[in-house]
Amino acid sequence: MAVVMALQSAPIYRLLKTWSGLSKRDRTTFSNLKEFVSSNENWTRLRHHLTNTKLPCIPYLGKKLNLFFFFFKKKYFLF
């Protein structure tokens, strides 16, 4: 996930000649990975995949930590 996000960063994404040099298969693979880790609909595809994956599986801890801090703030800082 981190690699896909890094490849979508502005400095890398602007390398038009490099992206055009990739094979169609590589561009299709990258496109599929982009859809998989898309934040659309609250990371639905990624969540669905993680819940249906057999153990052992290392979850993406960034989403878990976000949920933890969201509930922590809600419990202690909102009146």
PDB file of N, CA and C in Angstrom:
ATOM      1  N   MET A   1       0.824  -1.187   0.000  1.00  0.00           N
ATOM      2  CA  MET A   1       0.000   0.000   0.000  1.00  0.00           C
ATOM      3  C   MET A   1       0.871   1.255   0.000  1.00  0.00           C
ATOM      4  N   ALA A   2       1.910   1.236   0.812  1.00  0.00           N
ATOM      5  CA  ALA A   2       2.785   2.400   0.890  1.00  0.00           C
ATOM      6  C   ALA A   2       3.481   2.660  -0.439  1.00  0.00           C
ATOM      7  N   VAL A   3       3.832   1.609  -1.144  1.00  0.00           N
ATOM      8  CA  VAL A   3       4.509   1.764  -2.431  1.00  0.00           C
ATOM      9  C   VAL A   3       3.565   2.393  -3.448  1.00  0.00           C
ATOM     10  N   VAL A   4       2.326   1.933  -3.483  1.00  0.00           N
ATOM     11  CA  VAL A   4       1.345   2.495  -4.426  1.00  0.00           C
ATOM     12  C   VAL A   4       1.096   3.960  -4.103  1.00  0.00           C
ATOM     13  N   MET A   5       0.957   4.278  -2.816  1.00  0.00           N
ATOM     14  CA  MET A   5       0.741   5.673  -2.424  1.00  0.00           C
ATOM     15  C   MET A   5       1.939   6.546  -2.801  1.00  0.00           C
ATOM     16  N   ALA A   6       3.145   6.013  -2.619  1.00  0.00           N
ATOM     17  CA  ALA A   6       4.342   6.780  -2.980  1.00  0.00           C
ATOM     18  C   ALA A   6       4.415   7.010  -4.483  1.00  0.00           C
ATOM     19  N   LEU A   7       4.020   6.006  -5.268  1.00  0.00           N
ATOM     20  CA  LEU A   7       4.042   6.174  -6.722  1.00  0.00           C
ATOM     21  C   LEU A   7       2.998   7.174  -7.205  1.00  0.00           C
ATOM     22  N   GLN A   8       2.007   7.460  -6.380  1.00  0.00           N
ATOM     23  CA  GLN A   8       0.994   8.440  -6.740  1.00  0.00           C
ATOM     24  C   GLN A   8       1.340   9.839  -6.246  1.00  0.00           C
ATOM     25  N   SER A   9       2.459   9.993  -5.539  1.00  0.00           N
ATOM     26  CA  SER A   9       2.850  11.314  -5.059  1.00  0.00           C
ATOM     27  C   SER A   9       3.168  12.220  -6.248  1.00  0.00           C
ATOM     28  N   ALA A  10       3.030  13.497  -6.045  1.00  0.00           N
ATOM     29  CA  ALA A  10       3.170  14.466  -7.139  1.00  0.00           C
ATOM     30  C   ALA A  10       4.504  14.385  -7.873  1.00  0.00           C
ATOM     31  N   PRO A  11       5.647  14.336  -7.179  1.00  0.00           N
ATOM     32  CA  PRO A  11       6.920  14.304  -7.916  1.00  0.00           C
ATOM     33  C   PRO A  11       7.074  13.060  -8.804  1.00  0.00           C
ATOM     34  N   ILE A  12       6.591  11.927  -8.349  1.00  0.00           N
ATOM     35  CA  ILE A  12       6.706  10.693  -9.128  1.00  0.00           C
ATOM     36  C   ILE A  12       5.659  10.670 -10.242  1.00  0.00           C
ATOM     37  N   TYR A  13       4.461  11.098  -9.939  1.00  0.00           N
ATOM     38  CA  TYR A  13       3.374  11.048 -10.909  1.00  0.00           C
ATOM     39  C   TYR A  13       3.638  11.959 -12.110  1.00  0.00           C
ATOM     40  N   ARG A  14       4.453  13.016 -11.907  1.00  0.00           N
ATOM     41  CA  ARG A  14       4.749  13.953 -12.997  1.00  0.00           C
ATOM     42  C   ARG A  14       5.811  13.438 -13.958  1.00  0.00           C
ATOM     43  N   LEU A  15       6.388  12.283 -13.708  1.00  0.00           N
ATOM     44  CA  LEU A  15       7.414  11.723 -14.599  1.00  0.00           C
ATOM     45  C   LEU A  15       6.739  11.080 -15.805  1.00  0.00           C
ATOM     46  N   LEU A  16       6.222  11.898 -16.687  1.00  0.00           N
ATOM     47  CA  LEU A  16       5.410  11.425 -17.810  1.00  0.00           C
ATOM     48  C   LEU A  16       6.169  10.489 -18.751  1.00  0.00           C
ATOM     49  N   LYS A  17       7.432  10.796 -19.034  1.00  0.00           N
ATOM     50  CA  LYS A  17       8.202   9.945 -19.937  1.00  0.00           C
ATOM     51  C   LYS A  17       8.438   8.570 -19.312  1.00  0.00           C
ATOM     52  N   THR A  18       8.659   8.554 -18.015  1.00  0.00           N
ATOM     53  CA  THR A  18       8.867   7.279 -17.328  1.00  0.00           C
ATOM     54  C   THR A  18       7.599   6.444 -17.351  1.00  0.00           C
ATOM     55  N   TRP A  19       6.461   7.071 -17.037  1.00  0.00           N
ATOM     56  CA  TRP A  19       5.190   6.342 -17.041  1.00  0.00           C
ATOM     57  C   TRP A  19       4.851   5.841 -18.441  1.00  0.00           C
ATOM     58  N   SER A  20       5.151   6.634 -19.451  1.00  0.00           N
ATOM     59  CA  SER A  20       4.837   6.198 -20.820  1.00  0.00           C
ATOM     60  C   SER A  20       5.749   5.053 -21.272  1.00  0.00           C
ATOM     61  N   GLY A  21       6.896   4.894 -20.628  1.00  0.00           N
ATOM     62  CA  GLY A  21       7.813   3.816 -20.969  1.00  0.00           C
ATOM     63  C   GLY A  21       7.425   2.468 -20.379  1.00  0.00           C
ATOM     64  N   LEU A  22       6.457   2.463 -19.483  1.00  0.00           N
ATOM     65  CA  LEU A  22       6.022   1.195 -18.895  1.00  0.00           C
ATOM     66  C   LEU A  22       5.195   0.389 -19.889  1.00  0.00           C
ATOM     67  N   SER A  23       5.253  -0.899 -19.740  1.00  0.00           N
ATOM     68  CA  SER A  23       4.454  -1.760 -20.620  1.00  0.00           C
ATOM     69  C   SER A  23       2.977  -1.651 -20.246  1.00  0.00           C
ATOM     70  N   LYS A  24       2.128  -2.050 -21.158  1.00  0.00           N
ATOM     71  CA  LYS A  24       0.687  -2.003 -20.907  1.00  0.00           C
ATOM     72  C   LYS A  24       0.324  -2.893 -19.719  1.00  0.00           C
ATOM     73  N   ARG A  25       0.987  -4.028 -19.617  1.00  0.00           N
ATOM     74  CA  ARG A  25       0.732  -4.941 -18.499  1.00  0.00           C
ATOM     75  C   ARG A  25       1.069  -4.281 -17.162  1.00  0.00           C
ATOM     76  N   ASP A  26       2.193  -3.574 -17.092  1.00  0.00           N
ATOM     77  CA  ASP A  26       2.597  -2.901 -15.856  1.00  0.00           C
ATOM     78  C   ASP A  26       1.637  -1.767 -15.505  1.00  0.00           C
ATOM     79  N   ARG A  27       1.215  -1.011 -16.522  1.00  0.00           N
ATOM     80  CA  ARG A  27       0.256   0.070 -16.259  1.00  0.00           C
ATOM     81  C   ARG A  27      -1.081  -0.481 -15.782  1.00  0.00           C
ATOM     82  N   THR A  28      -1.507  -1.610 -16.343  1.00  0.00           N
ATOM     83  CA  THR A  28      -2.756  -2.239 -15.910  1.00  0.00           C
ATOM     84  C   THR A  28      -2.633  -2.736 -14.471  1.00  0.00           C
ATOM     85  N   THR A  29      -1.510  -3.335 -14.143  1.00  0.00           N
ATOM     86  CA  THR A  29      -1.270  -3.806 -12.777  1.00  0.00           C
ATOM     87  C   THR A  29      -1.305  -2.642 -11.802  1.00  0.00           C
ATOM     88  N   PHE A  30      -0.643  -1.550 -12.157  1.00  0.00           N
ATOM     89  CA  PHE A  30      -0.632  -0.383 -11.278  1.00  0.00           C
ATOM     90  C   PHE A  30      -2.037   0.198 -11.126  1.00  0.00           C
ATOM     91  N   SER A  31      -2.778   0.236 -12.204  1.00  0.00           N
ATOM     92  CA  SER A  31      -4.148   0.736 -12.143  1.00  0.00           C
ATOM     93  C   SER A  31      -5.007  -0.119 -11.212  1.00  0.00           C
ATOM     94  N   ASN A  32      -4.849  -1.432 -11.299  1.00  0.00           N
ATOM     95  CA  ASN A  32      -5.592  -2.333 -10.414  1.00  0.00           C
ATOM     96  C   ASN A  32      -5.200  -2.135  -8.951  1.00  0.00           C
ATOM     97  N   LEU A  33      -3.914  -1.947  -8.706  1.00  0.00           N
ATOM     98  CA  LEU A  33      -3.460  -1.701  -7.340  1.00  0.00           C
ATOM     99  C   LEU A  33      -3.985  -0.365  -6.808  1.00  0.00           C
ATOM    100  N   LYS A  34      -4.039   0.650  -7.689  1.00  0.00           N
ATOM    101  CA  LYS A  34      -4.588   1.943  -7.273  1.00  0.00           C
ATOM    102  C   LYS A  34      -6.037   1.808  -6.840  1.00  0.00           C
ATOM    103  N   GLU A  35      -6.815   1.048  -7.600  1.00  0.00           N
ATOM    104  CA  GLU A  35      -8.214   0.833  -7.236  1.00  0.00           C
ATOM    105  C   GLU A  35      -8.331   0.059  -5.937  1.00  0.00           C
ATOM    106  N   PHE A  36      -7.442  -0.894  -5.729  1.00  0.00           N
ATOM    107  CA  PHE A  36      -7.488  -1.730  -4.532  1.00  0.00           C
ATOM    108  C   PHE A  36      -7.240  -0.926  -3.262  1.00  0.00           C
ATOM    109  N   VAL A  37      -6.297   0.012  -3.299  1.00  0.00           N
ATOM    110  CA  VAL A  37      -5.970   0.794  -2.103  1.00  0.00           C
ATOM    111  C   VAL A  37      -6.612   2.183  -2.138  1.00  0.00           C
ATOM    112  N   SER A  38      -7.622   2.339  -2.955  1.00  0.00           N
ATOM    113  CA  SER A  38      -8.303   3.622  -3.060  1.00  0.00           C
ATOM    114  C   SER A  38      -9.042   3.961  -1.770  1.00  0.00           C
ATOM    115  N   SER A  39      -9.041   5.223  -1.407  1.00  0.00           N
ATOM    116  CA  SER A  39      -9.741   5.644  -0.195  1.00  0.00           C
ATOM    117  C   SER A  39     -11.226   5.890  -0.448  1.00  0.00           C
ATOM    118  N   ASN A  40     -11.696   5.615  -1.650  1.00  0.00           N
ATOM    119  CA  ASN A  40     -13.114   5.773  -1.965  1.00  0.00           C
ATOM    120  C   ASN A  40     -13.956   4.876  -1.068  1.00  0.00           C
ATOM    121  N   GLU A  41     -15.099   5.395  -0.677  1.00  0.00           N
ATOM    122  CA  GLU A  41     -16.037   4.659   0.170  1.00  0.00           C
ATOM    123  C   GLU A  41     -15.361   4.113   1.425  1.00  0.00           C
ATOM    124  N   ASN A  42     -14.496   4.917   2.029  1.00  0.00           N
ATOM    125  CA  ASN A  42     -13.851   4.590   3.300  1.00  0.00           C
ATOM    126  C   ASN A  42     -13.036   3.293   3.214  1.00  0.00           C
ATOM    127  N   TRP A  43     -12.234   3.155   2.181  1.00  0.00           N
ATOM    128  CA  TRP A  43     -11.316   2.035   2.007  1.00  0.00           C
ATOM    129  C   TRP A  43     -12.055   0.689   1.919  1.00  0.00           C
ATOM    130  N   THR A  44     -13.221   0.661   1.281  1.00  0.00           N
ATOM    131  CA  THR A  44     -14.066  -0.529   1.255  1.00  0.00           C
ATOM    132  C   THR A  44     -13.361  -1.747   0.684  1.00  0.00           C
ATOM    133  N   ARG A  45     -12.697  -1.615  -0.441  1.00  0.00           N
ATOM    134  CA  ARG A  45     -12.051  -2.777  -1.067  1.00  0.00           C
ATOM    135  C   ARG A  45     -10.958  -3.356  -0.175  1.00  0.00           C
ATOM    136  N   LEU A  46     -10.159  -2.491   0.415  1.00  0.00           N
ATOM    137  CA  LEU A  46      -9.086  -2.955   1.284  1.00  0.00           C
ATOM    138  C   LEU A  46      -9.653  -3.636   2.525  1.00  0.00           C
ATOM    139  N   ARG A  47     -10.670  -3.036   3.135  1.00  0.00           N
ATOM    140  CA  ARG A  47     -11.301  -3.637   4.317  1.00  0.00           C
ATOM    141  C   ARG A  47     -11.902  -4.998   3.977  1.00  0.00           C
ATOM    142  N   HIS A  48     -12.583  -5.089   2.854  1.00  0.00           N
ATOM    143  CA  HIS A  48     -13.202  -6.337   2.450  1.00  0.00           C
ATOM    144  C   HIS A  48     -12.137  -7.423   2.254  1.00  0.00           C
ATOM    145  N   HIS A  49     -11.050  -7.062   1.619  1.00  0.00           N
ATOM    146  CA  HIS A  49      -9.981  -8.020   1.384  1.00  0.00           C
ATOM    147  C   HIS A  49      -9.365  -8.484   2.702  1.00  0.00           C
ATOM    148  N   LEU A  50      -9.125  -7.567   3.628  1.00  0.00           N
ATOM    149  CA  LEU A  50      -8.512  -7.939   4.909  1.00  0.00           C
ATOM    150  C   LEU A  50      -9.429  -8.828   5.746  1.00  0.00           C
ATOM    151  N   THR A  51     -10.747  -8.594   5.692  1.00  0.00           N
ATOM    152  CA  THR A  51     -11.652  -9.438   6.472  1.00  0.00           C
ATOM    153  C   THR A  51     -11.805 -10.821   5.860  1.00  0.00           C
ATOM    154  N   ASN A  52     -11.626 -10.953   4.561  1.00  0.00           N
ATOM    155  CA  ASN A  52     -11.778 -12.250   3.902  1.00  0.00           C
ATOM    156  C   ASN A  52     -10.469 -13.002   3.710  1.00  0.00           C
ATOM    157  N   THR A  53      -9.367 -12.437   4.160  1.00  0.00           N
ATOM    158  CA  THR A  53      -8.068 -13.081   4.031  1.00  0.00           C
ATOM    159  C   THR A  53      -7.857 -14.038   5.194  1.00  0.00           C
ATOM    160  N   LYS A  54      -7.360 -15.224   4.883  1.00  0.00           N
ATOM    161  CA  LYS A  54      -7.077 -16.204   5.930  1.00  0.00           C
ATOM    162  C   LYS A  54      -5.806 -15.810   6.664  1.00  0.00           C
ATOM    163  N   LEU A  55      -5.765 -16.120   7.923  1.00  0.00           N
ATOM    164  CA  LEU A  55      -4.605 -15.814   8.746  1.00  0.00           C
ATOM    165  C   LEU A  55      -3.436 -16.696   8.346  1.00  0.00           C
ATOM    166  N   PRO A  56      -2.229 -16.315   8.518  1.00  0.00           N
ATOM    167  CA  PRO A  56      -1.768 -15.057   9.083  1.00  0.00           C
ATOM    168  C   PRO A  56      -1.797 -13.928   8.059  1.00  0.00           C
ATOM    169  N   CYS A  57      -2.176 -12.782   8.516  1.00  0.00           N
ATOM    170  CA  CYS A  57      -2.265 -11.603   7.664  1.00  0.00           C
ATOM    171  C   CYS A  57      -1.827 -10.396   8.486  1.00  0.00           C
ATOM    172  N   ILE A  58      -0.983  -9.573   7.925  1.00  0.00           N
ATOM    173  CA  ILE A  58      -0.554  -8.361   8.614  1.00  0.00           C
ATOM    174  C   ILE A  58      -1.431  -7.228   8.108  1.00  0.00           C
ATOM    175  N   PRO A  59      -2.314  -6.693   8.955  1.00  0.00           N
ATOM    176  CA  PRO A  59      -3.205  -5.629   8.495  1.00  0.00           C
ATOM    177  C   PRO A  59      -2.442  -4.318   8.312  1.00  0.00           C
ATOM    178  N   TYR A  60      -3.039  -3.431   7.562  1.00  0.00           N
ATOM    179  CA  TYR A  60      -2.464  -2.093   7.408  1.00  0.00           C
ATOM    180  C   TYR A  60      -2.741  -1.325   8.697  1.00  0.00           C
ATOM    181  N   LEU A  61      -1.708  -1.090   9.482  1.00  0.00           N
ATOM    182  CA  LEU A  61      -1.881  -0.510  10.811  1.00  0.00           C
ATOM    183  C   LEU A  61      -2.314   0.947  10.782  1.00  0.00           C
ATOM    184  N   GLY A  62      -2.086   1.635   9.682  1.00  0.00           N
ATOM    185  CA  GLY A  62      -2.492   3.037   9.601  1.00  0.00           C
ATOM    186  C   GLY A  62      -3.991   3.206   9.797  1.00  0.00           C
ATOM    187  N   LYS A  63      -4.793   2.344   9.192  1.00  0.00           N
ATOM    188  CA  LYS A  63      -6.246   2.440   9.338  1.00  0.00           C
ATOM    189  C   LYS A  63      -6.672   2.077  10.752  1.00  0.00           C
ATOM    190  N   LYS A  64      -6.030   1.074  11.339  1.00  0.00           N
ATOM    191  CA  LYS A  64      -6.364   0.663  12.710  1.00  0.00           C
ATOM    192  C   LYS A  64      -6.043   1.783  13.698  1.00  0.00           C
ATOM    193  N   LEU A  65      -4.901   2.435  13.515  1.00  0.00           N
ATOM    194  CA  LEU A  65      -4.528   3.528  14.410  1.00  0.00           C
ATOM    195  C   LEU A  65      -5.458   4.728  14.250  1.00  0.00           C
ATOM    196  N   ASN A  66      -5.879   5.002  13.021  1.00  0.00           N
ATOM    197  CA  ASN A  66      -6.831   6.093  12.810  1.00  0.00           C
ATOM    198  C   ASN A  66      -8.129   5.837  13.559  1.00  0.00           C
ATOM    199  N   LEU A  67      -8.638   4.615  13.467  1.00  0.00           N
ATOM    200  CA  LEU A  67      -9.867   4.274  14.196  1.00  0.00           C
ATOM    201  C   LEU A  67      -9.665   4.380  15.694  1.00  0.00           C
ATOM    202  N   PHE A  68      -8.528   3.913  16.188  1.00  0.00           N
ATOM    203  CA  PHE A  68      -8.238   3.986  17.618  1.00  0.00           C
ATOM    204  C   PHE A  68      -8.236   5.428  18.105  1.00  0.00           C
ATOM    205  N   PHE A  69      -7.524   6.308  17.413  1.00  0.00           N
ATOM    206  CA  PHE A  69      -7.449   7.697  17.841  1.00  0.00           C
ATOM    207  C   PHE A  69      -8.776   8.418  17.671  1.00  0.00           C
ATOM    208  N   PHE A  70      -9.547   8.046  16.659  1.00  0.00           N
ATOM    209  CA  PHE A  70     -10.870   8.637  16.486  1.00  0.00           C
ATOM    210  C   PHE A  70     -11.735   8.341  17.701  1.00  0.00           C
ATOM    211  N   PHE A  71     -11.774   7.091  18.142  1.00  0.00           N
ATOM    212  CA  PHE A  71     -12.594   6.732  19.288  1.00  0.00           C
ATOM    213  C   PHE A  71     -12.026   7.283  20.584  1.00  0.00           C
ATOM    214  N   PHE A  72     -10.701   7.369  20.684  1.00  0.00           N
ATOM    215  CA  PHE A  72     -10.067   7.944  21.864  1.00  0.00           C
ATOM    216  C   PHE A  72     -10.454   9.410  22.023  1.00  0.00           C
ATOM    217  N   LYS A  73     -10.370  10.178  20.924  1.00  0.00           N
ATOM    218  CA  LYS A  73     -10.744  11.593  20.965  1.00  0.00           C
ATOM    219  C   LYS A  73     -12.218  11.745  21.310  1.00  0.00           C
ATOM    220  N   LYS A  74     -13.025  10.919  20.706  1.00  0.00           N
ATOM    221  CA  LYS A  74     -14.462  11.009  20.934  1.00  0.00           C
ATOM    222  C   LYS A  74     -14.812  10.741  22.389  1.00  0.00           C
ATOM    223  N   LYS A  75     -14.143   9.778  22.981  1.00  0.00           N
ATOM    224  CA  LYS A  75     -14.446   9.403  24.363  1.00  0.00           C
ATOM    225  C   LYS A  75     -13.969  10.448  25.360  1.00  0.00           C
ATOM    226  N   TYR A  76     -12.788  11.017  25.162  1.00  0.00           N
ATOM    227  CA  TYR A  76     -12.190  11.882  26.175  1.00  0.00           C
ATOM    228  C   TYR A  76     -12.243  13.373  25.885  1.00  0.00           C
ATOM    229  N   PHE A  77     -12.427  13.780  24.658  1.00  0.00           N
ATOM    230  CA  PHE A  77     -12.324  15.197  24.362  1.00  0.00           C
ATOM    231  C   PHE A  77     -13.617  15.854  23.923  1.00  0.00           C
ATOM    232  N   LEU A  78     -14.612  15.082  23.574  1.00  0.00           N
ATOM    233  CA  LEU A  78     -15.882  15.666  23.195  1.00  0.00           C
ATOM    234  C   LEU A  78     -16.849  15.595  24.366  1.00  0.00           C
ATOM    235  N   PHE A  79     -17.527  16.667  24.626  1.00  0.00           N
ATOM    236  CA  PHE A  79     -18.430  16.695  25.775  1.00  0.00           C
ATOM    237  C   PHE A  79     -19.853  16.558  25.321  1.00  0.00           C
TER     238      PHE A  79
END
